[in-house]
Structure formats: C-alpha cells, structure tokens
C-alpha cells in the first residue's frame, strides 16, 4: 500500500494497492482479462475486482470492456505507463535482494517446456534430493515468462538465440527426426514412401514451419491430418498411429512404440539453454540448479545428439 502522484492525471492516489495497479499493467500488455489473469497466475474474477478497486481509488475510468477484449482509456494508459515504471523499480529491488541470497534454501521458480518434466522428471527430483531445503516450483505454461519481471527465476528454453541481457549456459542440443508408430508403419508398408503416410504438424501459433518446409521439398503430395500446439499431444498422437511427424530424438527414441523413418534432419535441432537474470546469478539455489541441470544433460549427451539407443530383443 502506498501513495503515488500521477502528473498526467493531476490527482493524488492514496492508499493504492500495488496488486491492483499490476492488474492494469497486465491488461495493457495482453488486452484481455484472460491474458492478464494468465500472466499474473490468478483468475479473471480477481483481475476484474482489482481493476474496479483501482478505478475506485483513482476515481476515474481506466478500462472499457467489450466482446473482443479490454481497451484502456487515456487515463488508463497513463496509469499503466506509470505502473510499468513502478514495476521496474520493484522488480529491480527484488532481484537485487534475491541476488544477495547465497543460502541453498527457499523457493526456486523454473519455467520450461512441457516435455522436460514429462520425460525427465528425475532432473527435478534428483535436485530436490540433493537440496531438500529448496522448494521447486515448475511451470510449463505456453506463455513465455519474463525473467526481468520476476515471473520466474530460471528458464529452460530451446532456442537458437537466447534473449539479450540474460545469463546462463548452453546445456546441449536436441536433434529432431521423423517418426511413426510401429503399427502405422506396418499398416502403410515398411517400404512405402513418406508421402504415403498421413502427417502431423504443429499449429501456426507454435511458429514451427519446419514440417511444411520439409514436406514442400520431400513430400509435396502428402497431407496434414492434424495439428497440435504442444509436443506432448503430438507424441501421444504419434503413438496412437494418427500420422507421422517430427519429434525431438531424446523423447521419441526411448519410446518402444515409435520408429524413425529417416535419420536426424540437419538444421532441425534446437540449442538447450538454462537462463536466469544477471542479478540472480550469485543466488545460491540458482547457481546450484544451473550446475545440476548441466551435469544432468551432459550425462545424456548421446541421446540429445540424436544417437539411436541400443535396444535388446
């Protein structure tokens, strides 16, 4: 609770709650109540309540609700800009204080792809066994979390180019190959061309056009029967025999129900990075997790390099 003065509004705002102002800042970024709620990890009712409280405290209308989302009034835009300044100050202070924390205890928030906890749960359980005083909070939300805004302490990302200004280490690289279920391959025929198969791909929102680009060159007459916005759904569809598709080798190769149709595709892979904000690099639990994740993936480098696992029988 604090008192701030917004020069553009020409009024003094007394007893304003930062949570209420942060809701307005989130709405200004996402333009929807749902998006703001997702960003702040609360429900839409809470966002609405905070906006009403803020409008009551400021005695001015800040937002206009309509069917397609939320628009900010001129006063709302001014308040949101000031809120972003305050947000930056708060987050800078939080990171500065957290960066001075060398204790191997407390909460550690990690944002990552849904595939990592699904296929490598022991990455996190082994860390917890080693550092029992650290409480891990794992988030696999498709929304990209901001380390600068303290939405997470660590981000495990698959990317060719990490965000400028972040600190971290490259843990390895995940290669991709084309997979089918063994049942589907038997049904289509082991010697069939890949154009004879139904295909699975990722949605346009996933910004993964590798499948379409590959099909244009190698199987232009083939058809895509279904698209997915996450790799776990794609993996399940592949196992069910719904079609063929590209998957990361470290997750598809160990699956006995899947078989590679081709070798690893060049330039399809992604670098794996474990990142944090520079202000947190000295934090004990952050440093410990960076080292632990690096050692964990280094022990599995053959799998991540796309080398086929040896199976018996």
C-alpha atoms as a PDB file:
ATOM      1  CA  UNK A   1       0.000   0.000   0.000  1.00  0.00           C
ATOM      2  CA  UNK A   2       1.421   3.361  -0.995  1.00  0.00           C
ATOM      3  CA  UNK A   3       0.733   6.921  -2.127  1.00  0.00           C
ATOM      4  CA  UNK A   4       1.761   7.914  -5.642  1.00  0.00           C
ATOM      5  CA  UNK A   5       1.198  11.003  -7.734  1.00  0.00           C
ATOM      6  CA  UNK A   6       0.321  10.692 -11.444  1.00  0.00           C
ATOM      7  CA  UNK A   7       1.182  14.034 -13.035  1.00  0.00           C
ATOM      8  CA  UNK A   8      -0.708  13.227 -16.239  1.00  0.00           C
ATOM      9  CA  UNK A   9      -3.890  12.655 -14.268  1.00  0.00           C
ATOM     10  CA  UNK A  10      -3.426  15.621 -11.993  1.00  0.00           C
ATOM     11  CA  UNK A  11      -4.594  13.730  -8.922  1.00  0.00           C
ATOM     12  CA  UNK A  12      -3.065  12.140  -5.846  1.00  0.00           C
ATOM     13  CA  UNK A  13      -3.794   8.436  -5.463  1.00  0.00           C
ATOM     14  CA  UNK A  14      -3.990   7.485  -1.806  1.00  0.00           C
ATOM     15  CA  UNK A  15      -3.831   4.026  -0.276  1.00  0.00           C
ATOM     16  CA  UNK A  16      -3.394   2.327  -3.648  1.00  0.00           C
ATOM     17  CA  UNK A  17      -2.601  -1.378  -3.690  1.00  0.00           C
ATOM     18  CA  UNK A  18       0.234  -2.482  -5.981  1.00  0.00           C
ATOM     19  CA  UNK A  19      -1.653  -5.658  -6.864  1.00  0.00           C
ATOM     20  CA  UNK A  20      -4.454  -3.535  -8.294  1.00  0.00           C
ATOM     21  CA  UNK A  21      -2.070  -1.463 -10.398  1.00  0.00           C
ATOM     22  CA  UNK A  22      -0.227  -4.583 -11.578  1.00  0.00           C
ATOM     23  CA  UNK A  23      -3.536  -5.910 -12.899  1.00  0.00           C
ATOM     24  CA  UNK A  24      -3.890  -2.794 -15.059  1.00  0.00           C
ATOM     25  CA  UNK A  25      -0.321  -3.175 -16.335  1.00  0.00           C
ATOM     26  CA  UNK A  26      -1.036  -6.802 -17.256  1.00  0.00           C
ATOM     27  CA  UNK A  27      -4.239  -5.815 -19.082  1.00  0.00           C
ATOM     28  CA  UNK A  28      -2.340  -3.134 -21.001  1.00  0.00           C
ATOM     29  CA  UNK A  29       0.111  -5.802 -22.221  1.00  0.00           C
ATOM     30  CA  UNK A  30      -2.364  -8.556 -23.093  1.00  0.00           C
ATOM     31  CA  UNK A  31      -5.502  -6.539 -23.977  1.00  0.00           C
ATOM     32  CA  UNK A  32      -7.679  -9.252 -22.435  1.00  0.00           C
ATOM     33  CA  UNK A  33      -8.797 -10.181 -18.940  1.00  0.00           C
ATOM     34  CA  UNK A  34      -7.900 -13.796 -19.631  1.00  0.00           C
ATOM     35  CA  UNK A  35      -4.393 -12.893 -20.755  1.00  0.00           C
ATOM     36  CA  UNK A  36      -3.836 -10.671 -17.727  1.00  0.00           C
ATOM     37  CA  UNK A  37      -5.071 -13.416 -15.414  1.00  0.00           C
ATOM     38  CA  UNK A  38      -2.703 -15.923 -17.018  1.00  0.00           C
ATOM     39  CA  UNK A  39       0.225 -13.527 -16.734  1.00  0.00           C
ATOM     40  CA  UNK A  40      -0.378 -12.903 -13.032  1.00  0.00           C
ATOM     41  CA  UNK A  41      -1.410 -16.504 -12.281  1.00  0.00           C
ATOM     42  CA  UNK A  42      -4.820 -15.525 -10.897  1.00  0.00           C
ATOM     43  CA  UNK A  43      -8.388 -15.915 -12.177  1.00  0.00           C
ATOM     44  CA  UNK A  44     -10.284 -13.411 -14.291  1.00  0.00           C
ATOM     45  CA  UNK A  45     -12.577 -12.533 -11.404  1.00  0.00           C
ATOM     46  CA  UNK A  46      -9.563 -11.354  -9.425  1.00  0.00           C
ATOM     47  CA  UNK A  47      -8.420  -9.162 -12.330  1.00  0.00           C
ATOM     48  CA  UNK A  48     -11.887  -7.581 -12.586  1.00  0.00           C
ATOM     49  CA  UNK A  49     -12.017  -6.983  -8.850  1.00  0.00           C
ATOM     50  CA  UNK A  50      -8.574  -5.351  -8.810  1.00  0.00           C
ATOM     51  CA  UNK A  51      -9.445  -3.071 -11.720  1.00  0.00           C
ATOM     52  CA  UNK A  52     -12.640  -1.940 -10.014  1.00  0.00           C
ATOM     53  CA  UNK A  53     -10.703  -1.257  -6.805  1.00  0.00           C
ATOM     54  CA  UNK A  54      -8.108   0.732  -8.744  1.00  0.00           C
ATOM     55  CA  UNK A  55     -10.762   2.774 -10.515  1.00  0.00           C
ATOM     56  CA  UNK A  56     -12.422   3.486  -7.174  1.00  0.00           C
ATOM     57  CA  UNK A  57      -9.104   4.579  -5.641  1.00  0.00           C
ATOM     58  CA  UNK A  58      -8.313   6.838  -8.585  1.00  0.00           C
ATOM     59  CA  UNK A  59     -11.905   7.948  -9.102  1.00  0.00           C
ATOM     60  CA  UNK A  60     -11.575   7.647 -12.879  1.00  0.00           C
ATOM     61  CA  UNK A  61     -12.483   5.073 -15.536  1.00  0.00           C
ATOM     62  CA  UNK A  62      -9.406   3.168 -16.636  1.00  0.00           C
ATOM     63  CA  UNK A  63     -10.731   0.427 -18.929  1.00  0.00           C
ATOM     64  CA  UNK A  64     -13.543  -0.160 -21.385  1.00  0.00           C
ATOM     65  CA  UNK A  65     -14.704  -3.769 -21.662  1.00  0.00           C
ATOM     66  CA  UNK A  66     -16.070  -5.158 -24.926  1.00  0.00           C
ATOM     67  CA  UNK A  67     -16.680  -8.515 -26.544  1.00  0.00           C
ATOM     68  CA  UNK A  68     -13.186  -8.859 -28.051  1.00  0.00           C
ATOM     69  CA  UNK A  69     -11.222  -7.759 -25.008  1.00  0.00           C
ATOM     70  CA  UNK A  70     -10.372  -4.672 -22.990  1.00  0.00           C
ATOM     71  CA  UNK A  71      -9.264  -1.203 -24.093  1.00  0.00           C
ATOM     72  CA  UNK A  72      -7.589   1.311 -21.825  1.00  0.00           C
ATOM     73  CA  UNK A  73      -8.921   4.822 -21.604  1.00  0.00           C
ATOM     74  CA  UNK A  74      -6.494   7.729 -21.876  1.00  0.00           C
ATOM     75  CA  UNK A  75      -6.296   7.807 -18.096  1.00  0.00           C
ATOM     76  CA  UNK A  76      -5.788   4.059 -18.048  1.00  0.00           C
ATOM     77  CA  UNK A  77      -2.894   4.303 -20.493  1.00  0.00           C
ATOM     78  CA  UNK A  78      -1.243   7.000 -18.375  1.00  0.00           C
ATOM     79  CA  UNK A  79      -1.686   4.941 -15.213  1.00  0.00           C
ATOM     80  CA  UNK A  80      -0.331   1.807 -16.943  1.00  0.00           C
ATOM     81  CA  UNK A  81       2.798   3.655 -18.095  1.00  0.00           C
ATOM     82  CA  UNK A  82       3.432   4.869 -14.562  1.00  0.00           C
ATOM     83  CA  UNK A  83       2.706   1.370 -13.297  1.00  0.00           C
ATOM     84  CA  UNK A  84       5.397  -0.049 -15.571  1.00  0.00           C
ATOM     85  CA  UNK A  85       7.926   2.354 -14.058  1.00  0.00           C
ATOM     86  CA  UNK A  86       6.921   1.273 -10.557  1.00  0.00           C
ATOM     87  CA  UNK A  87       7.009  -2.374 -11.636  1.00  0.00           C
ATOM     88  CA  UNK A  88      10.579  -1.989 -12.881  1.00  0.00           C
ATOM     89  CA  UNK A  89      11.668  -0.418  -9.582  1.00  0.00           C
ATOM     90  CA  UNK A  90      10.025  -3.199  -7.561  1.00  0.00           C
ATOM     91  CA  UNK A  91      11.495  -5.987  -9.693  1.00  0.00           C
ATOM     92  CA  UNK A  92      14.954  -4.427  -9.658  1.00  0.00           C
ATOM     93  CA  UNK A  93      14.792  -4.324  -5.864  1.00  0.00           C
ATOM     94  CA  UNK A  94      13.533  -7.914  -5.652  1.00  0.00           C
ATOM     95  CA  UNK A  95      16.308  -9.199  -7.911  1.00  0.00           C
ATOM     96  CA  UNK A  96      18.933  -7.207  -6.008  1.00  0.00           C
ATOM     97  CA  UNK A  97      17.818  -8.680  -2.696  1.00  0.00           C
ATOM     98  CA  UNK A  98      17.472 -12.184  -4.141  1.00  0.00           C
ATOM     99  CA  UNK A  99      20.899 -11.937  -5.757  1.00  0.00           C
ATOM    100  CA  UNK A 100      22.487 -11.414  -2.360  1.00  0.00           C
ATOM    101  CA  UNK A 101      20.895 -14.628  -1.067  1.00  0.00           C
ATOM    102  CA  UNK A 102      23.597 -17.316  -1.006  1.00  0.00           C
ATOM    103  CA  UNK A 103      21.552 -19.796   1.041  1.00  0.00           C
ATOM    104  CA  UNK A 104      20.628 -23.113  -0.556  1.00  0.00           C
ATOM    105  CA  UNK A 105      17.062 -22.758   0.658  1.00  0.00           C
ATOM    106  CA  UNK A 106      13.813 -21.103  -0.334  1.00  0.00           C
ATOM    107  CA  UNK A 107      11.604 -21.138  -3.399  1.00  0.00           C
ATOM    108  CA  UNK A 108      13.021 -21.558  -6.916  1.00  0.00           C
ATOM    109  CA  UNK A 109      10.678 -20.951  -9.852  1.00  0.00           C
ATOM    110  CA  UNK A 110      11.574 -22.692 -13.106  1.00  0.00           C
ATOM    111  CA  UNK A 111       9.730 -22.152 -16.379  1.00  0.00           C
ATOM    112  CA  UNK A 112      10.299 -24.758 -19.064  1.00  0.00           C
ATOM    113  CA  UNK A 113       8.780 -26.740 -21.918  1.00  0.00           C
ATOM    114  CA  UNK A 114       6.172 -29.311 -21.001  1.00  0.00           C
ATOM    115  CA  UNK A 115       8.407 -32.049 -22.402  1.00  0.00           C
ATOM    116  CA  UNK A 116      11.168 -31.596 -19.833  1.00  0.00           C
ATOM    117  CA  UNK A 117       9.208 -32.520 -16.654  1.00  0.00           C
ATOM    118  CA  UNK A 118       7.315 -35.213 -18.576  1.00  0.00           C
ATOM    119  CA  UNK A 119      10.340 -37.080 -19.920  1.00  0.00           C
ATOM    120  CA  UNK A 120      12.953 -36.053 -17.367  1.00  0.00           C
ATOM    121  CA  UNK A 121      11.152 -35.890 -14.023  1.00  0.00           C
ATOM    122  CA  UNK A 122      14.321 -37.113 -12.318  1.00  0.00           C
ATOM    123  CA  UNK A 123      16.061 -33.880 -13.334  1.00  0.00           C
ATOM    124  CA  UNK A 124      13.958 -32.128 -10.714  1.00  0.00           C
ATOM    125  CA  UNK A 125      13.554 -34.954  -8.198  1.00  0.00           C
ATOM    126  CA  UNK A 126      17.323 -35.509  -8.049  1.00  0.00           C
ATOM    127  CA  UNK A 127      17.830 -31.782  -7.457  1.00  0.00           C
ATOM    128  CA  UNK A 128      15.296 -31.880  -4.622  1.00  0.00           C
ATOM    129  CA  UNK A 129      17.003 -34.906  -3.112  1.00  0.00           C
ATOM    130  CA  UNK A 130      20.308 -33.060  -3.136  1.00  0.00           C
ATOM    131  CA  UNK A 131      18.915 -29.714  -1.929  1.00  0.00           C
ATOM    132  CA  UNK A 132      15.895 -30.563   0.252  1.00  0.00           C
ATOM    133  CA  UNK A 133      15.595 -27.021   1.636  1.00  0.00           C
ATOM    134  CA  UNK A 134      14.893 -25.634  -1.864  1.00  0.00           C
ATOM    135  CA  UNK A 135      11.225 -25.653  -2.868  1.00  0.00           C
ATOM    136  CA  UNK A 136      10.971 -26.097  -6.641  1.00  0.00           C
ATOM    137  CA  UNK A 137       8.066 -24.516  -8.491  1.00  0.00           C
ATOM    138  CA  UNK A 138       7.857 -25.835 -12.066  1.00  0.00           C
ATOM    139  CA  UNK A 139       5.723 -24.097 -14.677  1.00  0.00           C
ATOM    140  CA  UNK A 140       5.118 -25.372 -18.193  1.00  0.00           C
ATOM    141  CA  UNK A 141       2.760 -22.615 -19.320  1.00  0.00           C
ATOM    142  CA  UNK A 142       2.929 -21.968 -23.058  1.00  0.00           C
ATOM    143  CA  UNK A 143       3.157 -18.244 -22.294  1.00  0.00           C
ATOM    144  CA  UNK A 144       6.775 -17.110 -22.311  1.00  0.00           C
ATOM    145  CA  UNK A 145       7.626 -15.942 -18.807  1.00  0.00           C
ATOM    146  CA  UNK A 146       9.752 -12.839 -18.255  1.00  0.00           C
ATOM    147  CA  UNK A 147      12.834 -13.192 -16.093  1.00  0.00           C
ATOM    148  CA  UNK A 148      13.217  -9.402 -15.959  1.00  0.00           C
ATOM    149  CA  UNK A 149       9.745  -9.066 -14.415  1.00  0.00           C
ATOM    150  CA  UNK A 150      10.489 -11.815 -11.869  1.00  0.00           C
ATOM    151  CA  UNK A 151       7.857 -14.129 -13.369  1.00  0.00           C
ATOM    152  CA  UNK A 152      10.425 -16.914 -12.971  1.00  0.00           C
ATOM    153  CA  UNK A 153      13.932 -17.341 -11.555  1.00  0.00           C
ATOM    154  CA  UNK A 154      15.194 -19.760 -14.206  1.00  0.00           C
ATOM    155  CA  UNK A 155      14.084 -20.518 -17.758  1.00  0.00           C
ATOM    156  CA  UNK A 156      14.996 -23.729 -19.577  1.00  0.00           C
ATOM    157  CA  UNK A 157      14.488 -22.852 -23.232  1.00  0.00           C
ATOM    158  CA  UNK A 158      15.063 -24.439 -26.605  1.00  0.00           C
ATOM    159  CA  UNK A 159      16.224 -21.599 -28.786  1.00  0.00           C
ATOM    160  CA  UNK A 160      18.798 -20.626 -31.384  1.00  0.00           C
ATOM    161  CA  UNK A 161      19.232 -17.201 -29.817  1.00  0.00           C
ATOM    162  CA  UNK A 162      18.682 -16.524 -26.082  1.00  0.00           C
ATOM    163  CA  UNK A 163      17.255 -13.150 -25.115  1.00  0.00           C
ATOM    164  CA  UNK A 164      19.842 -10.397 -24.870  1.00  0.00           C
ATOM    165  CA  UNK A 165      20.783  -9.491 -21.310  1.00  0.00           C
ATOM    166  CA  UNK A 166      20.219 -12.908 -19.719  1.00  0.00           C
ATOM    167  CA  UNK A 167      22.887 -15.005 -18.020  1.00  0.00           C
ATOM    168  CA  UNK A 168      23.177 -18.760 -18.299  1.00  0.00           C
ATOM    169  CA  UNK A 169      24.750 -21.690 -20.019  1.00  0.00           C
ATOM    170  CA  UNK A 170      24.119 -23.802 -23.086  1.00  0.00           C
ATOM    171  CA  UNK A 171      23.365 -27.320 -21.876  1.00  0.00           C
ATOM    172  CA  UNK A 172      23.373 -29.085 -25.216  1.00  0.00           C
ATOM    173  CA  UNK A 173      21.319 -29.519 -28.347  1.00  0.00           C
ATOM    174  CA  UNK A 174      18.218 -31.568 -29.149  1.00  0.00           C
ATOM    175  CA  UNK A 175      18.067 -33.061 -32.634  1.00  0.00           C
ATOM    176  CA  UNK A 176      14.830 -33.889 -34.472  1.00  0.00           C
ATOM    177  CA  UNK A 177      13.843 -36.793 -36.708  1.00  0.00           C
ATOM    178  CA  UNK A 178      10.722 -38.077 -38.462  1.00  0.00           C
ATOM    179  CA  UNK A 179       8.802 -40.758 -36.517  1.00  0.00           C
ATOM    180  CA  UNK A 180       5.872 -43.131 -36.948  1.00  0.00           C
ATOM    181  CA  UNK A 181       4.310 -45.735 -34.744  1.00  0.00           C
ATOM    182  CA  UNK A 182       5.398 -49.283 -35.495  1.00  0.00           C
ATOM    183  CA  UNK A 183       1.762 -50.189 -36.062  1.00  0.00           C
ATOM    184  CA  UNK A 184       1.267 -47.428 -38.632  1.00  0.00           C
ATOM    185  CA  UNK A 185       4.446 -48.396 -40.476  1.00  0.00           C
ATOM    186  CA  UNK A 186       3.247 -51.990 -40.711  1.00  0.00           C
ATOM    187  CA  UNK A 187      -0.135 -50.761 -41.962  1.00  0.00           C
ATOM    188  CA  UNK A 188       1.314 -48.469 -44.650  1.00  0.00           C
ATOM    189  CA  UNK A 189       4.166 -50.813 -45.523  1.00  0.00           C
ATOM    190  CA  UNK A 190       7.794 -50.738 -44.444  1.00  0.00           C
ATOM    191  CA  UNK A 191       8.978 -49.793 -47.924  1.00  0.00           C
ATOM    192  CA  UNK A 192       6.396 -47.052 -48.543  1.00  0.00           C
ATOM    193  CA  UNK A 193       7.435 -43.504 -49.344  1.00  0.00           C
ATOM    194  CA  UNK A 194       6.833 -40.906 -46.643  1.00  0.00           C
ATOM    195  CA  UNK A 195       4.253 -39.192 -48.876  1.00  0.00           C
ATOM    196  CA  UNK A 196       2.014 -42.233 -48.413  1.00  0.00           C
ATOM    197  CA  UNK A 197       1.587 -41.505 -44.704  1.00  0.00           C
ATOM    198  CA  UNK A 198      -0.835 -39.093 -43.049  1.00  0.00           C
ATOM    199  CA  UNK A 199       1.129 -36.261 -41.424  1.00  0.00           C
ATOM    200  CA  UNK A 200       1.005 -34.464 -38.098  1.00  0.00           C
ATOM    201  CA  UNK A 201       2.292 -30.926 -37.594  1.00  0.00           C
ATOM    202  CA  UNK A 202       2.330 -28.062 -35.119  1.00  0.00           C
ATOM    203  CA  UNK A 203      -0.092 -25.157 -35.231  1.00  0.00           C
ATOM    204  CA  UNK A 204       0.783 -21.838 -36.836  1.00  0.00           C
ATOM    205  CA  UNK A 205       0.805 -20.248 -33.368  1.00  0.00           C
ATOM    206  CA  UNK A 206       3.689 -22.555 -32.455  1.00  0.00           C
ATOM    207  CA  UNK A 207       5.802 -20.828 -35.113  1.00  0.00           C
ATOM    208  CA  UNK A 208       7.175 -24.213 -36.207  1.00  0.00           C
ATOM    209  CA  UNK A 209       7.046 -24.378 -40.005  1.00  0.00           C
ATOM    210  CA  UNK A 210       9.772 -26.994 -40.339  1.00  0.00           C
ATOM    211  CA  UNK A 211       7.241 -29.700 -41.197  1.00  0.00           C
ATOM    212  CA  UNK A 212       5.669 -27.693 -44.023  1.00  0.00           C
ATOM    213  CA  UNK A 213       9.066 -26.695 -45.405  1.00  0.00           C
ATOM    214  CA  UNK A 214      10.217 -30.305 -45.319  1.00  0.00           C
ATOM    215  CA  UNK A 215       7.020 -31.537 -46.989  1.00  0.00           C
ATOM    216  CA  UNK A 216       7.301 -28.967 -49.776  1.00  0.00           C
ATOM    217  CA  UNK A 217      10.687 -30.405 -50.643  1.00  0.00           C
ATOM    218  CA  UNK A 218      10.318 -34.127 -49.920  1.00  0.00           C
ATOM    219  CA  UNK A 219       6.594 -34.960 -49.928  1.00  0.00           C
ATOM    220  CA  UNK A 220       4.565 -32.191 -51.641  1.00  0.00           C
ATOM    221  CA  UNK A 221       1.632 -34.508 -52.320  1.00  0.00           C
ATOM    222  CA  UNK A 222       1.294 -35.608 -48.691  1.00  0.00           C
ATOM    223  CA  UNK A 223      -1.456 -34.222 -46.441  1.00  0.00           C
ATOM    224  CA  UNK A 224      -1.503 -32.953 -42.868  1.00  0.00           C
ATOM    225  CA  UNK A 225      -4.377 -34.558 -40.969  1.00  0.00           C
ATOM    226  CA  UNK A 226      -3.978 -32.817 -37.619  1.00  0.00           C
ATOM    227  CA  UNK A 227      -2.039 -30.008 -35.919  1.00  0.00           C
ATOM    228  CA  UNK A 228      -1.034 -29.620 -32.273  1.00  0.00           C
ATOM    229  CA  UNK A 229       0.209 -26.744 -30.158  1.00  0.00           C
ATOM    230  CA  UNK A 230       2.333 -28.842 -27.793  1.00  0.00           C
ATOM    231  CA  UNK A 231       4.783 -31.691 -28.141  1.00  0.00           C
ATOM    232  CA  UNK A 232       3.096 -33.953 -25.574  1.00  0.00           C
ATOM    233  CA  UNK A 233      -0.099 -34.084 -27.645  1.00  0.00           C
ATOM    234  CA  UNK A 234       1.940 -34.700 -30.770  1.00  0.00           C
ATOM    235  CA  UNK A 235       3.779 -37.556 -29.080  1.00  0.00           C
ATOM    236  CA  UNK A 236       0.515 -39.163 -27.959  1.00  0.00           C
ATOM    237  CA  UNK A 237      -0.904 -38.896 -31.488  1.00  0.00           C
ATOM    238  CA  UNK A 238       2.223 -40.456 -32.952  1.00  0.00           C
ATOM    239  CA  UNK A 239       1.990 -43.378 -30.530  1.00  0.00           C
ATOM    240  CA  UNK A 240      -1.677 -43.830 -31.441  1.00  0.00           C
ATOM    241  CA  UNK A 241      -0.788 -44.106 -35.125  1.00  0.00           C
ATOM    242  CA  UNK A 242      -2.627 -40.959 -36.192  1.00  0.00           C
ATOM    243  CA  UNK A 243       0.179 -39.983 -38.537  1.00  0.00           C
ATOM    244  CA  UNK A 244       3.893 -39.314 -38.817  1.00  0.00           C
ATOM    245  CA  UNK A 245       5.664 -36.241 -37.526  1.00  0.00           C
ATOM    246  CA  UNK A 246       8.841 -34.675 -36.254  1.00  0.00           C
ATOM    247  CA  UNK A 247       9.795 -35.099 -32.627  1.00  0.00           C
ATOM    248  CA  UNK A 248      12.899 -34.398 -30.522  1.00  0.00           C
ATOM    249  CA  UNK A 249      15.086 -37.507 -30.580  1.00  0.00           C
ATOM    250  CA  UNK A 250      15.717 -37.606 -26.798  1.00  0.00           C
ATOM    251  CA  UNK A 251      11.994 -38.025 -26.196  1.00  0.00           C
ATOM    252  CA  UNK A 252      10.936 -40.174 -29.157  1.00  0.00           C
ATOM    253  CA  UNK A 253      13.882 -42.580 -29.384  1.00  0.00           C
ATOM    254  CA  UNK A 254      13.349 -44.239 -25.983  1.00  0.00           C
ATOM    255  CA  UNK A 255       9.697 -44.934 -26.855  1.00  0.00           C
ATOM    256  CA  UNK A 256       9.429 -48.597 -27.985  1.00  0.00           C
ATOM    257  CA  UNK A 257       6.207 -47.850 -29.890  1.00  0.00           C
ATOM    258  CA  UNK A 258       7.923 -45.365 -32.228  1.00  0.00           C
ATOM    259  CA  UNK A 259      10.391 -45.873 -35.040  1.00  0.00           C
ATOM    260  CA  UNK A 260      12.459 -43.404 -37.022  1.00  0.00           C
ATOM    261  CA  UNK A 261      11.610 -43.151 -40.694  1.00  0.00           C
ATOM    262  CA  UNK A 262      14.699 -41.102 -41.554  1.00  0.00           C
ATOM    263  CA  UNK A 263      17.962 -40.076 -39.982  1.00  0.00           C
ATOM    264  CA  UNK A 264      18.326 -36.876 -37.971  1.00  0.00           C
ATOM    265  CA  UNK A 265      17.398 -33.895 -40.122  1.00  0.00           C
ATOM    266  CA  UNK A 266      20.135 -31.254 -40.378  1.00  0.00           C
ATOM    267  CA  UNK A 267      19.236 -27.762 -39.109  1.00  0.00           C
ATOM    268  CA  UNK A 268      16.068 -29.016 -37.380  1.00  0.00           C
ATOM    269  CA  UNK A 269      17.503 -29.106 -33.881  1.00  0.00           C
ATOM    270  CA  UNK A 270      17.457 -26.535 -31.103  1.00  0.00           C
ATOM    271  CA  UNK A 271      20.075 -25.470 -28.574  1.00  0.00           C
ATOM    272  CA  UNK A 272      19.083 -26.026 -24.956  1.00  0.00           C
ATOM    273  CA  UNK A 273      19.742 -23.138 -22.593  1.00  0.00           C
ATOM    274  CA  UNK A 274      19.322 -22.707 -18.866  1.00  0.00           C
ATOM    275  CA  UNK A 275      18.960 -18.969 -18.225  1.00  0.00           C
ATOM    276  CA  UNK A 276      18.486 -16.514 -15.395  1.00  0.00           C
ATOM    277  CA  UNK A 277      18.644 -12.775 -14.869  1.00  0.00           C
ATOM    278  CA  UNK A 278      22.192 -11.459 -14.233  1.00  0.00           C
ATOM    279  CA  UNK A 279      21.066 -10.060 -10.873  1.00  0.00           C
ATOM    280  CA  UNK A 280      20.304 -13.625  -9.714  1.00  0.00           C
ATOM    281  CA  UNK A 281      23.485 -15.310 -10.932  1.00  0.00           C
ATOM    282  CA  UNK A 282      25.036 -15.243  -7.440  1.00  0.00           C
ATOM    283  CA  UNK A 283      21.946 -16.647  -5.718  1.00  0.00           C
ATOM    284  CA  UNK A 284      22.871 -19.956  -4.146  1.00  0.00           C
ATOM    285  CA  UNK A 285      19.885 -22.007  -5.322  1.00  0.00           C
ATOM    286  CA  UNK A 286      20.075 -20.537  -8.846  1.00  0.00           C
ATOM    287  CA  UNK A 287      23.754 -21.425  -9.189  1.00  0.00           C
ATOM    288  CA  UNK A 288      23.075 -24.883  -7.829  1.00  0.00           C
ATOM    289  CA  UNK A 289      20.297 -25.554 -10.343  1.00  0.00           C
ATOM    290  CA  UNK A 290      22.349 -24.313 -13.313  1.00  0.00           C
ATOM    291  CA  UNK A 291      25.164 -26.684 -12.369  1.00  0.00           C
ATOM    292  CA  UNK A 292      22.794 -29.571 -11.676  1.00  0.00           C
ATOM    293  CA  UNK A 293      20.927 -29.214 -14.980  1.00  0.00           C
ATOM    294  CA  UNK A 294      24.195 -29.012 -16.878  1.00  0.00           C
ATOM    295  CA  UNK A 295      25.539 -32.199 -15.306  1.00  0.00           C
ATOM    296  CA  UNK A 296      22.212 -33.977 -15.832  1.00  0.00           C
ATOM    297  CA  UNK A 297      22.014 -33.292 -19.572  1.00  0.00           C
ATOM    298  CA  UNK A 298      25.729 -33.827 -20.089  1.00  0.00           C
ATOM    299  CA  UNK A 299      25.244 -37.404 -18.854  1.00  0.00           C
ATOM    300  CA  UNK A 300      22.630 -37.844 -21.617  1.00  0.00           C
ATOM    301  CA  UNK A 301      24.538 -36.121 -24.423  1.00  0.00           C
ATOM    302  CA  UNK A 302      24.418 -39.150 -26.739  1.00  0.00           C
ATOM    303  CA  UNK A 303      20.627 -39.194 -26.616  1.00  0.00           C
ATOM    304  CA  UNK A 304      20.427 -35.453 -27.229  1.00  0.00           C
ATOM    305  CA  UNK A 305      22.872 -35.735 -30.121  1.00  0.00           C
ATOM    306  CA  UNK A 306      20.377 -37.964 -31.905  1.00  0.00           C
ATOM    307  CA  UNK A 307      22.265 -41.226 -31.488  1.00  0.00           C
ATOM    308  CA  UNK A 308      19.903 -44.174 -31.594  1.00  0.00           C
ATOM    309  CA  UNK A 309      19.580 -46.035 -28.283  1.00  0.00           C
ATOM    310  CA  UNK A 310      20.604 -49.684 -28.272  1.00  0.00           C
ATOM    311  CA  UNK A 311      17.582 -51.928 -27.663  1.00  0.00           C
ATOM    312  CA  UNK A 312      17.634 -55.591 -26.818  1.00  0.00           C
ATOM    313  CA  UNK A 313      15.363 -58.100 -28.447  1.00  0.00           C
END
